[in-house]
PDB file of all heavy atoms in Angstrom:
ATOM      1  N   ALA A   1       0.848  -1.185   0.050  1.00  0.00           N
ATOM      2  CA  ALA A   1       0.046  -0.011  -0.003  1.00  0.00           C
ATOM      3  C   ALA A   1       0.855   1.248  -0.007  1.00  0.00           C
ATOM      4  O   ALA A   1       1.753   1.407   0.860  1.00  0.00           O
ATOM      5  CB  ALA A   1      -0.944   0.004   1.192  1.00  0.00           C
ATOM      6  N   PHE A   2       0.665   2.121  -0.904  1.00  0.00           N
ATOM      7  CA  PHE A   2       1.438   3.374  -1.105  1.00  0.00           C
ATOM      8  C   PHE A   2       0.831   4.420  -0.109  1.00  0.00           C
ATOM      9  O   PHE A   2      -0.265   5.012  -0.357  1.00  0.00           O
ATOM     10  CB  PHE A   2       1.291   3.866  -2.499  1.00  0.00           C
ATOM     11  CG  PHE A   2       2.346   4.899  -2.879  1.00  0.00           C
ATOM     12  CD1 PHE A   2       3.129   4.681  -4.021  1.00  0.00           C
ATOM     13  CD2 PHE A   2       2.446   6.094  -2.249  1.00  0.00           C
ATOM     14  CE1 PHE A   2       4.072   5.598  -4.458  1.00  0.00           C
ATOM     15  CE2 PHE A   2       3.377   7.074  -2.631  1.00  0.00           C
ATOM     16  CZ  PHE A   2       4.223   6.825  -3.729  1.00  0.00           C
ATOM     17  N   ASP A   3       1.544   4.743   0.957  1.00  0.00           N
ATOM     18  CA  ASP A   3       1.009   5.638   2.020  1.00  0.00           C
ATOM     19  C   ASP A   3       1.761   6.943   2.021  1.00  0.00           C
ATOM     20  O   ASP A   3       2.730   7.179   1.223  1.00  0.00           O
ATOM     21  CB  ASP A   3       1.082   4.888   3.356  1.00  0.00           C
ATOM     22  CG  ASP A   3       2.452   4.445   3.737  1.00  0.00           C
ATOM     23  OD1 ASP A   3       3.476   4.904   3.223  1.00  0.00           O
ATOM     24  OD2 ASP A   3       2.561   3.594   4.673  1.00  0.00           O
ATOM     25  N   ALA A   4       1.503   7.758   3.045  1.00  0.00           N
ATOM     26  CA  ALA A   4       2.129   9.102   3.117  1.00  0.00           C
ATOM     27  C   ALA A   4       3.616   8.986   3.376  1.00  0.00           C
ATOM     28  O   ALA A   4       4.369   9.837   2.842  1.00  0.00           O
ATOM     29  CB  ALA A   4       1.420   9.924   4.229  1.00  0.00           C
ATOM     30  N   GLY A   5       4.032   8.022   4.233  1.00  0.00           N
ATOM     31  CA  GLY A   5       5.453   7.886   4.506  1.00  0.00           C
ATOM     32  C   GLY A   5       6.210   7.525   3.238  1.00  0.00           C
ATOM     33  O   GLY A   5       7.339   8.022   3.040  1.00  0.00           O
ATOM     34  N   LEU A   6       5.666   6.670   2.465  1.00  0.00           N
ATOM     35  CA  LEU A   6       6.373   6.288   1.156  1.00  0.00           C
ATOM     36  C   LEU A   6       6.344   7.495   0.220  1.00  0.00           C
ATOM     37  O   LEU A   6       7.348   7.807  -0.488  1.00  0.00           O
ATOM     38  CB  LEU A   6       5.636   5.101   0.517  1.00  0.00           C
ATOM     39  CG  LEU A   6       6.317   4.640  -0.830  1.00  0.00           C
ATOM     40  CD1 LEU A   6       7.719   4.266  -0.674  1.00  0.00           C
ATOM     41  CD2 LEU A   6       5.527   3.386  -1.304  1.00  0.00           C
ATOM     42  N   GLU A   7       5.312   8.266   0.180  1.00  0.00           N
ATOM     43  CA  GLU A   7       5.227   9.434  -0.649  1.00  0.00           C
ATOM     44  C   GLU A   7       6.368  10.430  -0.288  1.00  0.00           C
ATOM     45  O   GLU A   7       7.011  11.026  -1.143  1.00  0.00           O
ATOM     46  CB  GLU A   7       3.891  10.166  -0.553  1.00  0.00           C
ATOM     47  CG  GLU A   7       3.721  11.321  -1.450  1.00  0.00           C
ATOM     48  CD  GLU A   7       2.373  12.042  -1.339  1.00  0.00           C
ATOM     49  OE1 GLU A   7       2.052  12.495  -0.173  1.00  0.00           O
ATOM     50  OE2 GLU A   7       1.629  12.022  -2.292  1.00  0.00           O
ATOM     51  N   ASP A   8       6.623  10.593   1.006  1.00  0.00           N
ATOM     52  CA  ASP A   8       7.705  11.516   1.470  1.00  0.00           C
ATOM     53  C   ASP A   8       9.031  10.944   0.983  1.00  0.00           C
ATOM     54  O   ASP A   8       9.907  11.712   0.589  1.00  0.00           O
ATOM     55  CB  ASP A   8       7.675  11.536   3.009  1.00  0.00           C
ATOM     56  CG  ASP A   8       6.511  12.416   3.503  1.00  0.00           C
ATOM     57  OD1 ASP A   8       5.951  13.150   2.711  1.00  0.00           O
ATOM     58  OD2 ASP A   8       6.178  12.200   4.711  1.00  0.00           O
ATOM     59  N   ALA A   9       9.228   9.691   1.053  1.00  0.00           N
ATOM     60  CA  ALA A   9      10.445   9.018   0.585  1.00  0.00           C
ATOM     61  C   ALA A   9      10.683   9.210  -0.927  1.00  0.00           C
ATOM     62  O   ALA A   9      11.801   9.477  -1.372  1.00  0.00           O
ATOM     63  CB  ALA A   9      10.499   7.613   0.931  1.00  0.00           C
ATOM     64  N   VAL A  10       9.600   9.099  -1.595  1.00  0.00           N
ATOM     65  CA  VAL A  10       9.648   9.336  -3.119  1.00  0.00           C
ATOM     66  C   VAL A  10      10.046  10.789  -3.406  1.00  0.00           C
ATOM     67  O   VAL A  10      10.849  11.047  -4.266  1.00  0.00           O
ATOM     68  CB  VAL A  10       8.297   8.970  -3.718  1.00  0.00           C
ATOM     69  CG1 VAL A  10       8.321   9.413  -5.246  1.00  0.00           C
ATOM     70  CG2 VAL A  10       8.055   7.471  -3.692  1.00  0.00           C
ATOM     71  N   ARG A  11       9.371  11.751  -2.713  1.00  0.00           N
ATOM     72  CA  ARG A  11       9.740  13.158  -2.913  1.00  0.00           C
ATOM     73  C   ARG A  11      11.176  13.417  -2.650  1.00  0.00           C
ATOM     74  O   ARG A  11      11.852  14.119  -3.443  1.00  0.00           O
ATOM     75  CB  ARG A  11       8.905  14.013  -2.026  1.00  0.00           C
ATOM     76  CG  ARG A  11       7.375  14.104  -2.387  1.00  0.00           C
ATOM     77  CD  ARG A  11       6.663  15.055  -1.492  1.00  0.00           C
ATOM     78  NE  ARG A  11       5.213  15.001  -1.649  1.00  0.00           N
ATOM     79  CZ  ARG A  11       4.549  15.645  -2.596  1.00  0.00           C
ATOM     80  NH1 ARG A  11       5.230  16.437  -3.417  1.00  0.00           N
ATOM     81  NH2 ARG A  11       3.259  15.499  -2.700  1.00  0.00           N
ATOM     82  N   GLU A  12      11.734  12.843  -1.553  1.00  0.00           N
ATOM     83  CA  GLU A  12      13.190  13.018  -1.212  1.00  0.00           C
ATOM     84  C   GLU A  12      14.001  12.451  -2.337  1.00  0.00           C
ATOM     85  O   GLU A  12      15.057  13.075  -2.737  1.00  0.00           O
ATOM     86  CB  GLU A  12      13.453  12.440   0.111  1.00  0.00           C
ATOM     87  CG  GLU A  12      14.897  12.581   0.583  1.00  0.00           C
ATOM     88  CD  GLU A  12      15.283  14.025   0.731  1.00  0.00           C
ATOM     89  OE1 GLU A  12      14.391  14.844   1.079  1.00  0.00           O
ATOM     90  OE2 GLU A  12      16.488  14.323   0.574  1.00  0.00           O
ATOM     91  N   TYR A  13      13.652  11.313  -2.817  1.00  0.00           N
ATOM     92  CA  TYR A  13      14.406  10.688  -3.885  1.00  0.00           C
ATOM     93  C   TYR A  13      14.385  11.518  -5.132  1.00  0.00           C
ATOM     94  O   TYR A  13      15.401  11.709  -5.786  1.00  0.00           O
ATOM     95  CB  TYR A  13      13.865   9.249  -4.189  1.00  0.00           C
ATOM     96  CG  TYR A  13      14.533   8.621  -5.406  1.00  0.00           C
ATOM     97  CD1 TYR A  13      15.739   7.897  -5.228  1.00  0.00           C
ATOM     98  CD2 TYR A  13      13.977   8.687  -6.630  1.00  0.00           C
ATOM     99  CE1 TYR A  13      16.303   7.276  -6.365  1.00  0.00           C
ATOM    100  CE2 TYR A  13      14.583   8.079  -7.717  1.00  0.00           C
ATOM    101  CZ  TYR A  13      15.743   7.395  -7.599  1.00  0.00           C
ATOM    102  OH  TYR A  13      16.332   6.781  -8.639  1.00  0.00           O
ATOM    103  N   GLN A  14      13.221  12.027  -5.460  1.00  0.00           N
ATOM    104  CA  GLN A  14      13.116  12.915  -6.687  1.00  0.00           C
ATOM    105  C   GLN A  14      13.879  14.141  -6.552  1.00  0.00           C
ATOM    106  O   GLN A  14      14.570  14.592  -7.572  1.00  0.00           O
ATOM    107  CB  GLN A  14      11.607  13.221  -6.951  1.00  0.00           C
ATOM    108  CG  GLN A  14      10.778  11.931  -7.388  1.00  0.00           C
ATOM    109  CD  GLN A  14       9.323  12.226  -7.419  1.00  0.00           C
ATOM    110  OE1 GLN A  14       8.804  13.041  -6.558  1.00  0.00           O
ATOM    111  NE2 GLN A  14       8.595  11.611  -8.319  1.00  0.00           N
ATOM    112  N   ARG A  15      13.958  14.737  -5.393  1.00  0.00           N
ATOM    113  CA  ARG A  15      14.696  15.982  -5.196  1.00  0.00           C
ATOM    114  C   ARG A  15      16.137  15.672  -5.367  1.00  0.00           C
ATOM    115  O   ARG A  15      16.938  16.488  -5.989  1.00  0.00           O
ATOM    116  CB  ARG A  15      14.439  16.586  -3.849  1.00  0.00           C
ATOM    117  CG  ARG A  15      13.134  17.441  -3.765  1.00  0.00           C
ATOM    118  CD  ARG A  15      13.077  18.195  -2.451  1.00  0.00           C
ATOM    119  NE  ARG A  15      12.845  17.277  -1.349  1.00  0.00           N
ATOM    120  CZ  ARG A  15      11.587  17.045  -0.869  1.00  0.00           C
ATOM    121  NH1 ARG A  15      10.545  17.578  -1.467  1.00  0.00           N
ATOM    122  NH2 ARG A  15      11.423  16.237   0.179  1.00  0.00           N
ATOM    123  N   SER A  16      16.638  14.565  -4.841  1.00  0.00           N
ATOM    124  CA  SER A  16      18.042  14.204  -4.963  1.00  0.00           C
ATOM    125  C   SER A  16      18.538  13.925  -6.369  1.00  0.00           C
ATOM    126  O   SER A  16      19.685  14.015  -6.700  1.00  0.00           O
ATOM    127  CB  SER A  16      18.363  13.004  -4.077  1.00  0.00           C
ATOM    128  OG  SER A  16      17.820  11.790  -4.698  1.00  0.00           O
ATOM    129  N   ARG A  17      17.535  13.638  -7.272  1.00  0.00           N
ATOM    130  CA  ARG A  17      17.870  13.318  -8.707  1.00  0.00           C
ATOM    131  C   ARG A  17      17.554  14.452  -9.549  1.00  0.00           C
ATOM    132  O   ARG A  17      17.711  14.378 -10.810  1.00  0.00           O
ATOM    133  CB  ARG A  17      17.045  12.113  -9.155  1.00  0.00           C
ATOM    134  CG  ARG A  17      17.569  10.725  -9.103  1.00  0.00           C
ATOM    135  CD  ARG A  17      18.502  10.489  -7.916  1.00  0.00           C
ATOM    136  NE  ARG A  17      18.903   9.146  -7.683  1.00  0.00           N
ATOM    137  CZ  ARG A  17      19.174   8.634  -6.513  1.00  0.00           C
ATOM    138  NH1 ARG A  17      19.040   9.365  -5.485  1.00  0.00           N
ATOM    139  NH2 ARG A  17      19.558   7.356  -6.389  1.00  0.00           N
ATOM    140  N   GLY A  18      17.117  15.558  -9.018  1.00  0.00           N
ATOM    141  CA  GLY A  18      16.796  16.757  -9.823  1.00  0.00           C
ATOM    142  C   GLY A  18      15.447  16.628 -10.604  1.00  0.00           C
ATOM    143  O   GLY A  18      15.245  17.217 -11.612  1.00  0.00           O
ATOM    144  N   LEU A  19      14.591  15.697 -10.099  1.00  0.00           N
ATOM    145  CA  LEU A  19      13.328  15.434 -10.724  1.00  0.00           C
ATOM    146  C   LEU A  19      12.189  16.343 -10.037  1.00  0.00           C
ATOM    147  O   LEU A  19      12.427  16.856  -8.985  1.00  0.00           O
ATOM    148  CB  LEU A  19      12.880  14.017 -10.608  1.00  0.00           C
ATOM    149  CG  LEU A  19      13.867  12.948 -11.153  1.00  0.00           C
ATOM    150  CD1 LEU A  19      13.380  11.565 -10.801  1.00  0.00           C
ATOM    151  CD2 LEU A  19      13.951  13.164 -12.744  1.00  0.00           C
ATOM    152  N   SER A  20      11.126  16.519 -10.686  1.00  0.00           N
ATOM    153  CA  SER A  20       9.977  17.215 -10.098  1.00  0.00           C
ATOM    154  C   SER A  20       9.456  16.366  -8.886  1.00  0.00           C
ATOM    155  O   SER A  20       9.065  15.246  -9.028  1.00  0.00           O
ATOM    156  CB  SER A  20       8.827  17.337 -11.086  1.00  0.00           C
ATOM    157  OG  SER A  20       9.224  18.109 -12.216  1.00  0.00           O
ATOM    158  N   ALA A  21       9.566  17.037  -7.673  1.00  0.00           N
ATOM    159  CA  ALA A  21       9.219  16.241  -6.502  1.00  0.00           C
ATOM    160  C   ALA A  21       7.768  16.269  -6.170  1.00  0.00           C
ATOM    161  O   ALA A  21       7.293  16.858  -5.261  1.00  0.00           O
ATOM    162  CB  ALA A  21      10.010  16.902  -5.315  1.00  0.00           C
ATOM    163  N   ASP A  22       7.007  15.479  -7.021  1.00  0.00           N
ATOM    164  CA  ASP A  22       5.554  15.420  -6.880  1.00  0.00           C
ATOM    165  C   ASP A  22       5.117  14.222  -6.128  1.00  0.00           C
ATOM    166  O   ASP A  22       3.902  14.096  -5.827  1.00  0.00           O
ATOM    167  CB  ASP A  22       4.927  15.509  -8.274  1.00  0.00           C
ATOM    168  CG  ASP A  22       5.349  14.322  -9.204  1.00  0.00           C
ATOM    169  OD1 ASP A  22       6.082  13.428  -8.722  1.00  0.00           O
ATOM    170  OD2 ASP A  22       5.011  14.401 -10.422  1.00  0.00           O
ATOM    171  N   GLY A  23       6.026  13.393  -5.729  1.00  0.00           N
ATOM    172  CA  GLY A  23       5.626  12.153  -4.970  1.00  0.00           C
ATOM    173  C   GLY A  23       4.955  11.026  -5.808  1.00  0.00           C
ATOM    174  O   GLY A  23       4.559  10.069  -5.230  1.00  0.00           O
ATOM    175  N   ILE A  24       4.932  11.257  -7.141  1.00  0.00           N
ATOM    176  CA  ILE A  24       4.258  10.313  -7.971  1.00  0.00           C
ATOM    177  C   ILE A  24       5.390   9.587  -8.768  1.00  0.00           C
ATOM    178  O   ILE A  24       6.242  10.186  -9.342  1.00  0.00           O
ATOM    179  CB  ILE A  24       3.296  10.945  -8.978  1.00  0.00           C
ATOM    180  CG1 ILE A  24       2.172  11.613  -8.161  1.00  0.00           C
ATOM    181  CG2 ILE A  24       2.762   9.901 -10.004  1.00  0.00           C
ATOM    182  CD1 ILE A  24       1.261  12.494  -9.096  1.00  0.00           C
ATOM    183  N   VAL A  25       5.400   8.218  -8.783  1.00  0.00           N
ATOM    184  CA  VAL A  25       6.397   7.432  -9.459  1.00  0.00           C
ATOM    185  C   VAL A  25       5.902   7.153 -10.877  1.00  0.00           C
ATOM    186  O   VAL A  25       5.209   6.136 -11.119  1.00  0.00           O
ATOM    187  CB  VAL A  25       6.730   6.116  -8.697  1.00  0.00           C
ATOM    188  CG1 VAL A  25       7.812   5.355  -9.358  1.00  0.00           C
ATOM    189  CG2 VAL A  25       7.112   6.450  -7.195  1.00  0.00           C
ATOM    190  N   GLY A  26       6.216   8.038 -11.753  1.00  0.00           N
ATOM    191  CA  GLY A  26       5.835   7.871 -13.164  1.00  0.00           C
ATOM    192  C   GLY A  26       6.994   7.349 -14.019  1.00  0.00           C
ATOM    193  O   GLY A  26       8.017   6.897 -13.409  1.00  0.00           O
ATOM    194  N   PRO A  27       6.928   7.396 -15.326  1.00  0.00           N
ATOM    195  CA  PRO A  27       8.013   6.817 -16.182  1.00  0.00           C
ATOM    196  C   PRO A  27       9.342   7.404 -15.946  1.00  0.00           C
ATOM    197  O   PRO A  27      10.334   6.613 -15.955  1.00  0.00           O
ATOM    198  CB  PRO A  27       7.472   7.148 -17.577  1.00  0.00           C
ATOM    199  CG  PRO A  27       5.974   7.275 -17.461  1.00  0.00           C
ATOM    200  CD  PRO A  27       5.695   7.857 -16.122  1.00  0.00           C
ATOM    201  N   ARG A  28       9.473   8.712 -15.742  1.00  0.00           N
ATOM    202  CA  ARG A  28      10.795   9.303 -15.539  1.00  0.00           C
ATOM    203  C   ARG A  28      11.422   8.812 -14.208  1.00  0.00           C
ATOM    204  O   ARG A  28      12.549   8.520 -14.192  1.00  0.00           O
ATOM    205  CB  ARG A  28      10.601  10.850 -15.570  1.00  0.00           C
ATOM    206  CG  ARG A  28      11.881  11.604 -15.341  1.00  0.00           C
ATOM    207  CD  ARG A  28      12.768  11.407 -16.453  1.00  0.00           C
ATOM    208  NE  ARG A  28      14.023  12.243 -16.393  1.00  0.00           N
ATOM    209  CZ  ARG A  28      15.147  11.989 -16.995  1.00  0.00           C
ATOM    210  NH1 ARG A  28      15.247  10.904 -17.754  1.00  0.00           N
ATOM    211  NH2 ARG A  28      16.248  12.725 -16.807  1.00  0.00           N
ATOM    212  N   THR A  29      10.605   8.790 -13.080  1.00  0.00           N
ATOM    213  CA  THR A  29      11.207   8.334 -11.844  1.00  0.00           C
ATOM    214  C   THR A  29      11.561   6.856 -11.971  1.00  0.00           C
ATOM    215  O   THR A  29      12.594   6.383 -11.373  1.00  0.00           O
ATOM    216  CB  THR A  29      10.193   8.558 -10.713  1.00  0.00           C
ATOM    217  OG1 THR A  29       9.858   9.950 -10.716  1.00  0.00           O
ATOM    218  CG2 THR A  29      10.765   8.150  -9.407  1.00  0.00           C
ATOM    219  N   ILE A  30      10.745   6.058 -12.641  1.00  0.00           N
ATOM    220  CA  ILE A  30      10.982   4.663 -12.806  1.00  0.00           C
ATOM    221  C   ILE A  30      12.295   4.472 -13.556  1.00  0.00           C
ATOM    222  O   ILE A  30      13.128   3.558 -13.260  1.00  0.00           O
ATOM    223  CB  ILE A  30       9.907   3.928 -13.596  1.00  0.00           C
ATOM    224  CG1 ILE A  30       8.541   3.775 -12.708  1.00  0.00           C
ATOM    225  CG2 ILE A  30      10.284   2.506 -14.058  1.00  0.00           C
ATOM    226  CD1 ILE A  30       8.733   2.850 -11.574  1.00  0.00           C
ATOM    227  N   THR A  31      12.509   5.273 -14.617  1.00  0.00           N
ATOM    228  CA  THR A  31      13.753   5.166 -15.375  1.00  0.00           C
ATOM    229  C   THR A  31      14.993   5.432 -14.445  1.00  0.00           C
ATOM    230  O   THR A  31      15.997   4.716 -14.514  1.00  0.00           O
ATOM    231  CB  THR A  31      13.794   6.278 -16.482  1.00  0.00           C
ATOM    232  OG1 THR A  31      12.705   5.903 -17.460  1.00  0.00           O
ATOM    233  CG2 THR A  31      15.077   6.257 -17.260  1.00  0.00           C
ATOM    234  N   HIS A  32      14.920   6.434 -13.637  1.00  0.00           N
ATOM    235  CA  HIS A  32      16.031   6.741 -12.664  1.00  0.00           C
ATOM    236  C   HIS A  32      16.222   5.537 -11.687  1.00  0.00           C
ATOM    237  O   HIS A  32      17.306   5.107 -11.392  1.00  0.00           O
ATOM    238  CB  HIS A  32      15.718   7.937 -11.903  1.00  0.00           C
ATOM    239  CG  HIS A  32      16.228   9.192 -12.643  1.00  0.00           C
ATOM    240  ND1 HIS A  32      17.361   9.859 -12.360  1.00  0.00           N
ATOM    241  CD2 HIS A  32      15.624   9.881 -13.637  1.00  0.00           C
ATOM    242  CE1 HIS A  32      17.478  10.894 -13.196  1.00  0.00           C
ATOM    243  NE2 HIS A  32      16.468  11.007 -14.024  1.00  0.00           N
ATOM    244  N   LEU A  33      15.056   4.989 -11.190  1.00  0.00           N
ATOM    245  CA  LEU A  33      15.198   3.902 -10.228  1.00  0.00           C
ATOM    246  C   LEU A  33      15.810   2.640 -10.830  1.00  0.00           C
ATOM    247  O   LEU A  33      16.679   1.959 -10.162  1.00  0.00           O
ATOM    248  CB  LEU A  33      13.831   3.604  -9.665  1.00  0.00           C
ATOM    249  CG  LEU A  33      13.252   4.556  -8.633  1.00  0.00           C
ATOM    250  CD1 LEU A  33      11.758   4.308  -8.554  1.00  0.00           C
ATOM    251  CD2 LEU A  33      13.926   4.359  -7.247  1.00  0.00           C
ATOM    252  N   ASP A  34      15.438   2.330 -12.056  1.00  0.00           N
ATOM    253  CA  ASP A  34      15.781   1.025 -12.677  1.00  0.00           C
ATOM    254  C   ASP A  34      16.977   1.178 -13.624  1.00  0.00           C
ATOM    255  O   ASP A  34      17.433   0.127 -14.105  1.00  0.00           O
ATOM    256  CB  ASP A  34      14.562   0.506 -13.419  1.00  0.00           C
ATOM    257  CG  ASP A  34      13.495  -0.019 -12.432  1.00  0.00           C
ATOM    258  OD1 ASP A  34      13.755  -0.025 -11.267  1.00  0.00           O
ATOM    259  OD2 ASP A  34      12.439  -0.376 -12.966  1.00  0.00           O
ATOM    260  N   GLU A  35      17.462   2.421 -13.872  1.00  0.00           N
ATOM    261  CA  GLU A  35      18.579   2.572 -14.834  1.00  0.00           C
ATOM    262  C   GLU A  35      19.761   1.642 -14.371  1.00  0.00           C
ATOM    263  O   GLU A  35      20.234   1.741 -13.278  1.00  0.00           O
ATOM    264  CB  GLU A  35      19.046   3.966 -14.871  1.00  0.00           C
ATOM    265  CG  GLU A  35      20.150   4.263 -15.871  1.00  0.00           C
ATOM    266  CD  GLU A  35      19.610   4.293 -17.306  1.00  0.00           C
ATOM    267  OE1 GLU A  35      18.424   4.677 -17.531  1.00  0.00           O
ATOM    268  OE2 GLU A  35      20.348   3.992 -18.230  1.00  0.00           O
ATOM    269  N   GLY A  36      20.213   0.838 -15.303  1.00  0.00           N
ATOM    270  CA  GLY A  36      21.447  -0.005 -15.021  1.00  0.00           C
ATOM    271  C   GLY A  36      21.165  -1.225 -14.203  1.00  0.00           C
ATOM    272  O   GLY A  36      22.059  -1.990 -13.994  1.00  0.00           O
ATOM    273  N   ILE A  37      19.907  -1.471 -13.769  1.00  0.00           N
ATOM    274  CA  ILE A  37      19.622  -2.610 -13.037  1.00  0.00           C
ATOM    275  C   ILE A  37      19.454  -3.922 -13.789  1.00  0.00           C
ATOM    276  O   ILE A  37      19.957  -4.912 -13.498  1.00  0.00           O
ATOM    277  CB  ILE A  37      18.416  -2.393 -12.014  1.00  0.00           C
ATOM    278  CG1 ILE A  37      18.743  -1.337 -11.035  1.00  0.00           C
ATOM    279  CG2 ILE A  37      18.016  -3.741 -11.326  1.00  0.00           C
ATOM    280  CD1 ILE A  37      17.666  -0.946 -10.169  1.00  0.00           C
ATOM    281  N   VAL A  38      18.749  -3.710 -14.922  1.00  0.00           N
ATOM    282  CA  VAL A  38      18.503  -4.833 -15.847  1.00  0.00           C
ATOM    283  C   VAL A  38      19.881  -5.307 -16.369  1.00  0.00           C
ATOM    284  O   VAL A  38      20.623  -4.497 -16.828  1.00  0.00           O
ATOM    285  CB  VAL A  38      17.530  -4.530 -16.941  1.00  0.00           C
ATOM    286  CG1 VAL A  38      17.356  -5.714 -17.832  1.00  0.00           C
ATOM    287  CG2 VAL A  38      16.187  -4.079 -16.341  1.00  0.00           C
ATOM    288  N   GLY A  39      20.149  -6.589 -16.230  1.00  0.00           N
ATOM    289  CA  GLY A  39      21.460  -7.086 -16.664  1.00  0.00           C
ATOM    290  C   GLY A  39      22.457  -7.068 -15.471  1.00  0.00           C
ATOM    291  O   GLY A  39      22.062  -6.935 -14.357  1.00  0.00           O
ATOM    292  N   ASP A  40      23.695  -7.206 -15.704  1.00  0.00           N
ATOM    293  CA  ASP A  40      24.760  -7.235 -14.750  1.00  0.00           C
ATOM    294  C   ASP A  40      24.847  -5.848 -14.090  1.00  0.00           C
ATOM    295  O   ASP A  40      25.154  -4.869 -14.743  1.00  0.00           O
ATOM    296  CB  ASP A  40      26.067  -7.683 -15.325  1.00  0.00           C
ATOM    297  CG  ASP A  40      27.123  -7.956 -14.236  1.00  0.00           C
ATOM    298  OD1 ASP A  40      26.998  -7.375 -13.120  1.00  0.00           O
ATOM    299  OD2 ASP A  40      27.982  -8.716 -14.479  1.00  0.00           O
ATOM    300  N   PRO A  41      24.544  -5.729 -12.771  1.00  0.00           N
ATOM    301  CA  PRO A  41      24.638  -4.412 -12.115  1.00  0.00           C
ATOM    302  C   PRO A  41      26.009  -3.806 -12.096  1.00  0.00           C
ATOM    303  O   PRO A  41      26.183  -2.540 -11.839  1.00  0.00           O
ATOM    304  CB  PRO A  41      24.047  -4.614 -10.751  1.00  0.00           C
ATOM    305  CG  PRO A  41      24.348  -6.120 -10.512  1.00  0.00           C
ATOM    306  CD  PRO A  41      24.165  -6.729 -11.782  1.00  0.00           C
ATOM    307  N   THR A  42      27.018  -4.622 -12.293  1.00  0.00           N
ATOM    308  CA  THR A  42      28.454  -4.099 -12.353  1.00  0.00           C
ATOM    309  C   THR A  42      28.811  -3.486 -13.643  1.00  0.00           C
ATOM    310  O   THR A  42      29.778  -2.662 -13.695  1.00  0.00           O
ATOM    311  CB  THR A  42      29.452  -5.190 -11.933  1.00  0.00           C
ATOM    312  OG1 THR A  42      29.469  -6.147 -13.014  1.00  0.00           O
ATOM    313  CG2 THR A  42      29.128  -5.825 -10.654  1.00  0.00           C
TER     314      THR A  42
END
């Protein structure tokens, strides 16, 4: 369940990446989260 505490964590993450800190995990935020994870992480 996506609650207020998780929304605050998302906003903080977005601010640290220079993204719009709207607390919504859309395509741009997903790209940042998952960039480089698929395949060998090294």
